Amino acid sequence: MQARLQRGFVLHRRPYANTSLLLELFTAEDGRLAMVAKGAKRARSTQAALLQPFQPLWLGWTGRGEVKTLTRAEAAGRALSLIGTSLYCGFYVNELLMRLWPRQEAPESLFPAYQMVLEALSSSDSPDLGLRQFELSLLAAMGYALDLNRLADEDIAVRSEEHYVLYPEQGLRRALAAGPESVSGETLGRLVRGEALEPRHRREAKTLLRRALAPHLGNKPLRSRELFRALPGQGAAAENASAGHADGSLRSPPQSAEQPASQAIHGESNHA
């Protein structure tokens, strides 16, 4: 039994049965949760309009199993305004959480990091620094924090004028020369200090974090990135963002009334 309300966000939603929604939520204390919002699609219900990605919420629920039952949802502030590329970046962040953060694991510092990246995406025309900082926070919360100040297995500090290559789960090593997989010490320093990224730094930082995330994401591509690439006229912008649909569903099919919620949740392989 969940007795008090908790801060949270909708990561993903899709129709369930005839009148309900199946939700993936990210909460401040219990982390990622699967939940059914019963009757949310009924004509007189206001929940369907409220239970949207990027809307800060107060949430209450019941249930001891993996799939909870939503009992209460209230706005905890105005919905964050993500438009254009920032909207697709927001869906990318949500998909990272669904792919990499286990259900029912306390998020500790990751929930504030999630709030910060959404704030950054809603208030900046350049999403790169916010995205890279969130990716670093996610890796750290997973137990794979990157040391961007020193070389792997050596007590040698990174130098701004040199180039480095990240070897996942090992660390940074000096590159023989600048190349497509290398990152400059200047870019590393900007990431550590949270300074603005110029175009060259953005490319290098993106490469760095993709290499770091690759072992955890595996061979299955991110659906958000693939969908954004398919949008007309996006081109290189897809390299920094991902795509979804306005409800955060990434177009999952509705579930039949006979299918238990636990089976429906596990049937959505992108969320495991």
C-alpha atoms as a PDB file:
ATOM      1  CA  MET A   1       0.000   0.000   0.000  1.00  0.00           C
ATOM      2  CA  GLN A   2       1.357   3.398  -0.988  1.00  0.00           C
ATOM      3  CA  ALA A   3       0.108   5.895   1.582  1.00  0.00           C
ATOM      4  CA  ARG A   4       1.509   9.213   0.376  1.00  0.00           C
ATOM      5  CA  LEU A   5       1.958  11.056  -2.871  1.00  0.00           C
ATOM      6  CA  GLN A   6       5.311  11.018  -4.630  1.00  0.00           C
ATOM      7  CA  ARG A   7       6.828  13.209  -7.330  1.00  0.00           C
ATOM      8  CA  GLY A   8       7.112  11.609 -10.739  1.00  0.00           C
ATOM      9  CA  PHE A   9       6.876  11.771 -14.522  1.00  0.00           C
ATOM     10  CA  VAL A  10       5.349   9.639 -17.260  1.00  0.00           C
ATOM     11  CA  LEU A  11       8.070   8.059 -19.396  1.00  0.00           C
ATOM     12  CA  HIS A  12       5.751   6.152 -21.705  1.00  0.00           C
ATOM     13  CA  ARG A  13       2.032   5.406 -22.051  1.00  0.00           C
ATOM     14  CA  ARG A  14      -0.116   3.243 -24.238  1.00  0.00           C
ATOM     15  CA  PRO A  15      -3.737   2.089 -24.370  1.00  0.00           C
ATOM     16  CA  TYR A  16      -4.697  -0.889 -22.241  1.00  0.00           C
ATOM     17  CA  ALA A  17      -8.031  -2.711 -22.420  1.00  0.00           C
ATOM     18  CA  ASN A  18     -10.907  -0.465 -23.502  1.00  0.00           C
ATOM     19  CA  THR A  19     -10.719   2.433 -21.065  1.00  0.00           C
ATOM     20  CA  SER A  20      -7.325   2.293 -19.343  1.00  0.00           C
ATOM     21  CA  LEU A  21      -3.692   3.258 -19.857  1.00  0.00           C
ATOM     22  CA  LEU A  22      -0.546   1.244 -19.226  1.00  0.00           C
ATOM     23  CA  LEU A  23       2.157   3.545 -17.896  1.00  0.00           C
ATOM     24  CA  GLU A  24       5.885   3.567 -17.303  1.00  0.00           C
ATOM     25  CA  LEU A  25       6.590   6.126 -14.590  1.00  0.00           C
ATOM     26  CA  PHE A  26       9.774   7.536 -13.091  1.00  0.00           C
ATOM     27  CA  THR A  27       9.342   8.510  -9.447  1.00  0.00           C
ATOM     28  CA  ALA A  28      11.546  10.381  -7.016  1.00  0.00           C
ATOM     29  CA  GLU A  29      11.889   7.592  -4.431  1.00  0.00           C
ATOM     30  CA  ASP A  30      10.898   4.287  -6.047  1.00  0.00           C
ATOM     31  CA  GLY A  31      12.401   4.871  -9.478  1.00  0.00           C
ATOM     32  CA  ARG A  32      10.835   3.327 -12.551  1.00  0.00           C
ATOM     33  CA  LEU A  33       7.424   1.730 -12.037  1.00  0.00           C
ATOM     34  CA  ALA A  34       4.855   0.010 -14.248  1.00  0.00           C
ATOM     35  CA  MET A  35       1.310   1.106 -13.515  1.00  0.00           C
ATOM     36  CA  VAL A  36      -2.252   0.805 -14.809  1.00  0.00           C
ATOM     37  CA  ALA A  37      -4.434   3.923 -14.845  1.00  0.00           C
ATOM     38  CA  LYS A  38      -7.863   2.333 -14.798  1.00  0.00           C
ATOM     39  CA  GLY A  39     -10.605   4.244 -16.583  1.00  0.00           C
ATOM     40  CA  ALA A  40      -8.224   7.011 -17.669  1.00  0.00           C
ATOM     41  CA  LYS A  41      -9.637   6.975 -21.216  1.00  0.00           C
ATOM     42  CA  ARG A  42     -13.261   7.331 -20.188  1.00  0.00           C
ATOM     43  CA  ALA A  43     -14.992  10.446 -21.495  1.00  0.00           C
ATOM     44  CA  ARG A  44     -15.457  11.965 -18.046  1.00  0.00           C
ATOM     45  CA  SER A  45     -11.909  11.268 -16.871  1.00  0.00           C
ATOM     46  CA  THR A  46      -9.319  14.060 -16.853  1.00  0.00           C
ATOM     47  CA  GLN A  47      -6.389  11.698 -16.313  1.00  0.00           C
ATOM     48  CA  ALA A  48      -5.613  11.031 -19.970  1.00  0.00           C
ATOM     49  CA  ALA A  49      -4.815  14.713 -20.550  1.00  0.00           C
ATOM     50  CA  LEU A  50      -2.721  14.884 -17.367  1.00  0.00           C
ATOM     51  CA  LEU A  51      -0.731  11.661 -17.743  1.00  0.00           C
ATOM     52  CA  GLN A  52       1.629  12.938 -20.437  1.00  0.00           C
ATOM     53  CA  PRO A  53       5.434  12.934 -20.678  1.00  0.00           C
ATOM     54  CA  PHE A  54       7.209  16.012 -19.284  1.00  0.00           C
ATOM     55  CA  GLN A  55       4.323  16.921 -16.953  1.00  0.00           C
ATOM     56  CA  PRO A  56       5.517  17.050 -13.308  1.00  0.00           C
ATOM     57  CA  LEU A  57       3.118  14.976 -11.221  1.00  0.00           C
ATOM     58  CA  TRP A  58       2.143  13.988  -7.708  1.00  0.00           C
ATOM     59  CA  LEU A  59       1.334  10.276  -7.842  1.00  0.00           C
ATOM     60  CA  GLY A  60      -0.348   7.750  -5.567  1.00  0.00           C
ATOM     61  CA  TRP A  61      -0.770   4.032  -6.173  1.00  0.00           C
ATOM     62  CA  THR A  62      -1.512   0.660  -4.621  1.00  0.00           C
ATOM     63  CA  GLY A  63      -0.253  -2.852  -5.253  1.00  0.00           C
ATOM     64  CA  ARG A  64       2.566  -5.154  -4.191  1.00  0.00           C
ATOM     65  CA  GLY A  65       3.328  -6.789  -7.530  1.00  0.00           C
ATOM     66  CA  GLU A  66       5.393  -5.501 -10.423  1.00  0.00           C
ATOM     67  CA  VAL A  67       2.443  -3.684 -11.997  1.00  0.00           C
ATOM     68  CA  LYS A  68       0.818  -1.163  -9.632  1.00  0.00           C
ATOM     69  CA  THR A  69      -2.591   0.480  -9.832  1.00  0.00           C
ATOM     70  CA  LEU A  70      -2.629   4.264 -10.070  1.00  0.00           C
ATOM     71  CA  THR A  71      -5.029   5.746  -7.530  1.00  0.00           C
ATOM     72  CA  ARG A  72      -4.239   9.454  -7.757  1.00  0.00           C
ATOM     73  CA  ALA A  73      -2.484  11.860 -10.115  1.00  0.00           C
ATOM     74  CA  GLU A  74      -2.179  15.614  -9.709  1.00  0.00           C
ATOM     75  CA  ALA A  75      -0.151  18.222 -11.540  1.00  0.00           C
ATOM     76  CA  ALA A  76       2.965  19.232  -9.599  1.00  0.00           C
ATOM     77  CA  GLY A  77       3.570  22.279 -11.764  1.00  0.00           C
ATOM     78  CA  ARG A  78       3.270  23.349 -15.357  1.00  0.00           C
ATOM     79  CA  ALA A  79       4.160  20.904 -18.099  1.00  0.00           C
ATOM     80  CA  LEU A  80       7.640  21.543 -19.455  1.00  0.00           C
ATOM     81  CA  SER A  81       7.473  22.995 -22.955  1.00  0.00           C
ATOM     82  CA  LEU A  82       9.606  20.833 -25.219  1.00  0.00           C
ATOM     83  CA  ILE A  83       9.232  21.614 -28.912  1.00  0.00           C
ATOM     84  CA  GLY A  84      11.106  20.730 -32.074  1.00  0.00           C
ATOM     85  CA  THR A  85      14.454  19.047 -31.494  1.00  0.00           C
ATOM     86  CA  SER A  86      14.094  19.418 -27.726  1.00  0.00           C
ATOM     87  CA  LEU A  87      10.938  17.296 -27.791  1.00  0.00           C
ATOM     88  CA  TYR A  88      12.742  14.487 -29.576  1.00  0.00           C
ATOM     89  CA  CYS A  89      15.648  14.785 -27.150  1.00  0.00           C
ATOM     90  CA  GLY A  90      13.174  14.399 -24.293  1.00  0.00           C
ATOM     91  CA  PHE A  91      11.879  11.151 -25.759  1.00  0.00           C
ATOM     92  CA  TYR A  92      15.473   9.979 -26.167  1.00  0.00           C
ATOM     93  CA  VAL A  93      16.121  10.607 -22.466  1.00  0.00           C
ATOM     94  CA  ASN A  94      12.948   8.712 -21.554  1.00  0.00           C
ATOM     95  CA  GLU A  95      13.965   5.749 -23.683  1.00  0.00           C
ATOM     96  CA  LEU A  96      17.404   5.646 -22.060  1.00  0.00           C
ATOM     97  CA  LEU A  97      15.742   5.338 -18.651  1.00  0.00           C
ATOM     98  CA  MET A  98      13.399   2.610 -19.851  1.00  0.00           C
ATOM     99  CA  ARG A  99      16.251   0.646 -21.397  1.00  0.00           C
ATOM    100  CA  LEU A 100      18.899   1.076 -18.728  1.00  0.00           C
ATOM    101  CA  TRP A 101      17.310   1.781 -15.337  1.00  0.00           C
ATOM    102  CA  PRO A 102      15.785  -1.267 -13.575  1.00  0.00           C
ATOM    103  CA  ARG A 103      12.246  -1.145 -12.266  1.00  0.00           C
ATOM    104  CA  GLN A 104      11.672  -0.447  -8.579  1.00  0.00           C
ATOM    105  CA  GLU A 105      15.254   0.654  -7.917  1.00  0.00           C
ATOM    106  CA  ALA A 106      15.659   3.885  -5.940  1.00  0.00           C
ATOM    107  CA  PRO A 107      16.987   6.579  -8.289  1.00  0.00           C
ATOM    108  CA  GLU A 108      18.927   8.595  -5.652  1.00  0.00           C
ATOM    109  CA  SER A 109      20.561  11.476  -7.581  1.00  0.00           C
ATOM    110  CA  LEU A 110      19.162  10.363 -10.944  1.00  0.00           C
ATOM    111  CA  PHE A 111      15.712  11.874 -10.434  1.00  0.00           C
ATOM    112  CA  PRO A 112      17.127  15.409  -9.910  1.00  0.00           C
ATOM    113  CA  ALA A 113      19.347  14.842 -12.964  1.00  0.00           C
ATOM    114  CA  TYR A 114      16.243  13.921 -14.972  1.00  0.00           C
ATOM    115  CA  GLN A 115      14.462  17.070 -13.819  1.00  0.00           C
ATOM    116  CA  MET A 116      17.530  19.138 -14.728  1.00  0.00           C
ATOM    117  CA  VAL A 117      17.796  17.766 -18.267  1.00  0.00           C
ATOM    118  CA  LEU A 118      14.103  18.444 -18.908  1.00  0.00           C
ATOM    119  CA  GLU A 119      14.534  21.991 -17.625  1.00  0.00           C
ATOM    120  CA  ALA A 120      17.577  22.433 -19.863  1.00  0.00           C
ATOM    121  CA  LEU A 121      15.732  21.078 -22.892  1.00  0.00           C
ATOM    122  CA  SER A 122      12.790  23.397 -22.275  1.00  0.00           C
ATOM    123  CA  SER A 123      14.909  26.538 -21.873  1.00  0.00           C
ATOM    124  CA  SER A 124      17.787  26.139 -24.340  1.00  0.00           C
ATOM    125  CA  ASP A 125      18.089  26.064 -28.114  1.00  0.00           C
ATOM    126  CA  SER A 126      21.157  23.826 -27.803  1.00  0.00           C
ATOM    127  CA  PRO A 127      20.347  20.534 -26.072  1.00  0.00           C
ATOM    128  CA  ASP A 128      23.803  18.973 -26.289  1.00  0.00           C
ATOM    129  CA  LEU A 129      25.300  19.900 -22.918  1.00  0.00           C
ATOM    130  CA  GLY A 130      22.148  18.950 -21.016  1.00  0.00           C
ATOM    131  CA  LEU A 131      21.960  15.586 -22.785  1.00  0.00           C
ATOM    132  CA  ARG A 132      25.608  14.781 -22.196  1.00  0.00           C
ATOM    133  CA  GLN A 133      25.373  15.696 -18.505  1.00  0.00           C
ATOM    134  CA  PHE A 134      22.325  13.458 -18.089  1.00  0.00           C
ATOM    135  CA  GLU A 135      24.081  10.566 -19.836  1.00  0.00           C
ATOM    136  CA  LEU A 136      27.030  10.996 -17.461  1.00  0.00           C
ATOM    137  CA  SER A 137      24.659  11.042 -14.466  1.00  0.00           C
ATOM    138  CA  LEU A 138      22.900   7.905 -15.685  1.00  0.00           C
ATOM    139  CA  LEU A 139      26.181   6.034 -16.104  1.00  0.00           C
ATOM    140  CA  ALA A 140      27.290   7.111 -12.626  1.00  0.00           C
ATOM    141  CA  ALA A 141      23.984   5.973 -11.080  1.00  0.00           C
ATOM    142  CA  MET A 142      24.416   2.604 -12.807  1.00  0.00           C
ATOM    143  CA  GLY A 143      27.861   2.222 -11.247  1.00  0.00           C
ATOM    144  CA  TYR A 144      29.875   3.123 -14.371  1.00  0.00           C
ATOM    145  CA  ALA A 145      30.958   6.693 -13.638  1.00  0.00           C
ATOM    146  CA  LEU A 146      33.446   8.111 -16.126  1.00  0.00           C
ATOM    147  CA  ASP A 147      36.642   9.715 -14.852  1.00  0.00           C
ATOM    148  CA  LEU A 148      37.200  12.492 -17.384  1.00  0.00           C
ATOM    149  CA  ASN A 149      40.123  14.008 -15.501  1.00  0.00           C
ATOM    150  CA  ARG A 150      42.679  11.198 -15.622  1.00  0.00           C
ATOM    151  CA  LEU A 151      43.880   8.381 -17.856  1.00  0.00           C
ATOM    152  CA  ALA A 152      42.893   4.785 -17.158  1.00  0.00           C
ATOM    153  CA  ASP A 153      45.299   2.933 -14.860  1.00  0.00           C
ATOM    154  CA  GLU A 154      47.621   5.929 -14.768  1.00  0.00           C
ATOM    155  CA  ASP A 155      47.967   8.875 -12.448  1.00  0.00           C
ATOM    156  CA  ILE A 156      48.231  11.249 -15.408  1.00  0.00           C
ATOM    157  CA  ALA A 157      45.900  14.229 -15.751  1.00  0.00           C
ATOM    158  CA  VAL A 158      44.095  14.957 -18.994  1.00  0.00           C
ATOM    159  CA  ARG A 159      45.635  17.836 -20.939  1.00  0.00           C
ATOM    160  CA  SER A 160      43.489  20.179 -23.024  1.00  0.00           C
ATOM    161  CA  GLU A 161      45.799  20.114 -26.057  1.00  0.00           C
ATOM    162  CA  GLU A 162      45.879  16.313 -26.379  1.00  0.00           C
ATOM    163  CA  HIS A 163      43.361  13.771 -27.691  1.00  0.00           C
ATOM    164  CA  TYR A 164      41.982  10.652 -26.024  1.00  0.00           C
ATOM    165  CA  VAL A 165      39.861   7.591 -26.755  1.00  0.00           C
ATOM    166  CA  LEU A 166      37.396   6.122 -24.283  1.00  0.00           C
ATOM    167  CA  TYR A 167      37.524   2.357 -23.830  1.00  0.00           C
ATOM    168  CA  PRO A 168      34.192   1.407 -22.235  1.00  0.00           C
ATOM    169  CA  GLU A 169      34.403   0.019 -18.714  1.00  0.00           C
ATOM    170  CA  GLN A 170      38.138   0.829 -18.699  1.00  0.00           C
ATOM    171  CA  GLY A 171      38.580   4.557 -19.142  1.00  0.00           C
ATOM    172  CA  LEU A 172      40.475   7.113 -21.174  1.00  0.00           C
ATOM    173  CA  ARG A 173      43.665   6.389 -23.030  1.00  0.00           C
ATOM    174  CA  ARG A 174      45.823   8.771 -25.026  1.00  0.00           C
ATOM    175  CA  ALA A 175      45.131   8.746 -28.783  1.00  0.00           C
ATOM    176  CA  LEU A 176      48.067   8.632 -31.181  1.00  0.00           C
ATOM    177  CA  ALA A 177      46.328  11.301 -33.251  1.00  0.00           C
ATOM    178  CA  ALA A 178      43.000  13.050 -33.528  1.00  0.00           C
ATOM    179  CA  GLY A 179      40.411  10.831 -35.200  1.00  0.00           C
ATOM    180  CA  PRO A 180      36.665  10.156 -35.505  1.00  0.00           C
ATOM    181  CA  GLU A 181      36.598   8.209 -32.210  1.00  0.00           C
ATOM    182  CA  SER A 182      38.812  10.563 -30.223  1.00  0.00           C
ATOM    183  CA  VAL A 183      37.934  13.444 -27.927  1.00  0.00           C
ATOM    184  CA  SER A 184      40.099  16.411 -27.061  1.00  0.00           C
ATOM    185  CA  GLY A 185      41.136  17.244 -23.538  1.00  0.00           C
ATOM    186  CA  GLU A 186      39.471  20.609 -24.073  1.00  0.00           C
ATOM    187  CA  THR A 187      36.103  18.931 -24.664  1.00  0.00           C
ATOM    188  CA  LEU A 188      36.573  16.714 -21.609  1.00  0.00           C
ATOM    189  CA  GLY A 189      37.307  19.768 -19.500  1.00  0.00           C
ATOM    190  CA  ARG A 190      34.171  21.539 -20.734  1.00  0.00           C
ATOM    191  CA  LEU A 191      32.060  18.517 -19.813  1.00  0.00           C
ATOM    192  CA  VAL A 192      33.565  18.342 -16.333  1.00  0.00           C
ATOM    193  CA  ARG A 193      33.024  22.070 -15.740  1.00  0.00           C
ATOM    194  CA  GLY A 194      29.579  22.161 -17.392  1.00  0.00           C
ATOM    195  CA  GLU A 195      30.683  24.782 -19.916  1.00  0.00           C
ATOM    196  CA  ALA A 196      28.945  25.484 -23.227  1.00  0.00           C
ATOM    197  CA  LEU A 197      29.902  23.190 -26.106  1.00  0.00           C
ATOM    198  CA  GLU A 198      30.882  24.579 -29.478  1.00  0.00           C
ATOM    199  CA  PRO A 199      30.169  22.492 -32.624  1.00  0.00           C
ATOM    200  CA  ARG A 200      33.487  20.627 -32.474  1.00  0.00           C
ATOM    201  CA  HIS A 201      33.057  19.880 -28.788  1.00  0.00           C
ATOM    202  CA  ARG A 202      29.485  18.683 -29.385  1.00  0.00           C
ATOM    203  CA  ARG A 203      30.620  16.111 -31.946  1.00  0.00           C
ATOM    204  CA  GLU A 204      33.370  14.827 -29.706  1.00  0.00           C
ATOM    205  CA  ALA A 205      31.177  14.701 -26.604  1.00  0.00           C
ATOM    206  CA  LYS A 206      28.476  12.810 -28.505  1.00  0.00           C
ATOM    207  CA  THR A 207      31.061  10.244 -29.675  1.00  0.00           C
ATOM    208  CA  LEU A 208      32.411   9.866 -26.152  1.00  0.00           C
ATOM    209  CA  LEU A 209      29.012   9.156 -24.595  1.00  0.00           C
ATOM    210  CA  ARG A 210      27.881   6.865 -27.382  1.00  0.00           C
ATOM    211  CA  ARG A 211      30.970   4.738 -26.789  1.00  0.00           C
ATOM    212  CA  ALA A 212      30.289   4.727 -23.060  1.00  0.00           C
ATOM    213  CA  LEU A 213      26.621   3.741 -23.432  1.00  0.00           C
ATOM    214  CA  ALA A 214      27.067   1.173 -26.202  1.00  0.00           C
ATOM    215  CA  PRO A 215      27.934  -1.850 -23.998  1.00  0.00           C
ATOM    216  CA  HIS A 216      24.842  -1.238 -21.874  1.00  0.00           C
ATOM    217  CA  LEU A 217      22.434  -0.653 -24.745  1.00  0.00           C
ATOM    218  CA  GLY A 218      23.621  -3.705 -26.665  1.00  0.00           C
ATOM    219  CA  ASN A 219      22.992  -4.276 -30.357  1.00  0.00           C
ATOM    220  CA  LYS A 220      19.319  -3.314 -30.312  1.00  0.00           C
ATOM    221  CA  PRO A 221      19.029   0.245 -31.685  1.00  0.00           C
ATOM    222  CA  LEU A 222      17.144   2.962 -29.881  1.00  0.00           C
ATOM    223  CA  ARG A 223      13.701   3.278 -31.428  1.00  0.00           C
ATOM    224  CA  SER A 224      13.611   6.993 -30.710  1.00  0.00           C
ATOM    225  CA  ARG A 225      16.776   7.630 -32.711  1.00  0.00           C
ATOM    226  CA  GLU A 226      15.566   5.532 -35.636  1.00  0.00           C
ATOM    227  CA  LEU A 227      12.224   7.297 -35.798  1.00  0.00           C
ATOM    228  CA  PHE A 228      13.818  10.731 -35.698  1.00  0.00           C
ATOM    229  CA  ARG A 229      16.152   9.813 -38.546  1.00  0.00           C
ATOM    230  CA  ALA A 230      13.076   8.889 -40.595  1.00  0.00           C
ATOM    231  CA  LEU A 231      11.520  12.345 -40.234  1.00  0.00           C
ATOM    232  CA  PRO A 232      11.877  14.506 -43.383  1.00  0.00           C
ATOM    233  CA  GLY A 233      14.603  17.129 -43.270  1.00  0.00           C
ATOM    234  CA  GLN A 234      16.197  16.078 -39.981  1.00  0.00           C
ATOM    235  CA  GLY A 235      19.563  14.921 -41.325  1.00  0.00           C
ATOM    236  CA  ALA A 236      22.388  15.452 -38.851  1.00  0.00           C
ATOM    237  CA  ALA A 237      20.001  16.672 -36.160  1.00  0.00           C
ATOM    238  CA  ALA A 238      19.094  13.053 -35.538  1.00  0.00           C
ATOM    239  CA  GLU A 239      22.599  12.498 -34.251  1.00  0.00           C
ATOM    240  CA  ASN A 240      21.841  14.617 -31.190  1.00  0.00           C
ATOM    241  CA  ALA A 241      18.227  13.704 -30.556  1.00  0.00           C
ATOM    242  CA  SER A 242      15.609  10.993 -30.705  1.00  0.00           C
ATOM    243  CA  ALA A 243      11.974  10.825 -31.644  1.00  0.00           C
ATOM    244  CA  GLY A 244       8.647   9.738 -30.314  1.00  0.00           C
ATOM    245  CA  HIS A 245       5.044  10.730 -30.576  1.00  0.00           C
ATOM    246  CA  ALA A 246       3.201  13.311 -28.547  1.00  0.00           C
ATOM    247  CA  ASP A 247       1.972  10.734 -26.035  1.00  0.00           C
ATOM    248  CA  GLY A 248       5.409   9.192 -25.561  1.00  0.00           C
ATOM    249  CA  SER A 249       4.126   5.894 -26.897  1.00  0.00           C
ATOM    250  CA  LEU A 250       6.540   5.366 -29.814  1.00  0.00           C
ATOM    251  CA  ARG A 251       3.414   3.854 -31.362  1.00  0.00           C
ATOM    252  CA  SER A 252       2.977   0.690 -29.308  1.00  0.00           C
ATOM    253  CA  PRO A 253      -0.220  -1.182 -30.201  1.00  0.00           C
ATOM    254  CA  PRO A 254      -3.213  -1.151 -27.849  1.00  0.00           C
ATOM    255  CA  GLN A 255      -3.599  -4.166 -25.592  1.00  0.00           C
ATOM    256  CA  SER A 256      -6.670  -6.336 -25.536  1.00  0.00           C
ATOM    257  CA  ALA A 257      -8.979  -6.373 -22.556  1.00  0.00           C
ATOM    258  CA  GLU A 258      -8.091 -10.027 -21.914  1.00  0.00           C
ATOM    259  CA  GLN A 259      -4.329  -9.539 -21.700  1.00  0.00           C
ATOM    260  CA  PRO A 260      -3.055  -9.165 -18.101  1.00  0.00           C
ATOM    261  CA  ALA A 261      -1.107  -5.984 -17.445  1.00  0.00           C
ATOM    262  CA  SER A 262       1.977  -7.967 -16.382  1.00  0.00           C
ATOM    263  CA  GLN A 263       2.066  -9.715 -19.781  1.00  0.00           C
ATOM    264  CA  ALA A 264       1.503  -6.450 -21.617  1.00  0.00           C
ATOM    265  CA  ILE A 265       4.384  -4.813 -19.749  1.00  0.00           C
ATOM    266  CA  HIS A 266       6.813  -7.632 -20.546  1.00  0.00           C
ATOM    267  CA  GLY A 267       5.609  -7.751 -24.133  1.00  0.00           C
ATOM    268  CA  GLU A 268       7.043  -4.255 -24.651  1.00  0.00           C
ATOM    269  CA  SER A 269      10.634  -5.397 -25.087  1.00  0.00           C
ATOM    270  CA  ASN A 270      12.038  -1.862 -25.313  1.00  0.00           C
ATOM    271  CA  HIS A 271      11.123  -1.323 -21.689  1.00  0.00           C
ATOM    272  CA  ALA A 272      12.923  -4.268 -20.173  1.00  0.00           C
END
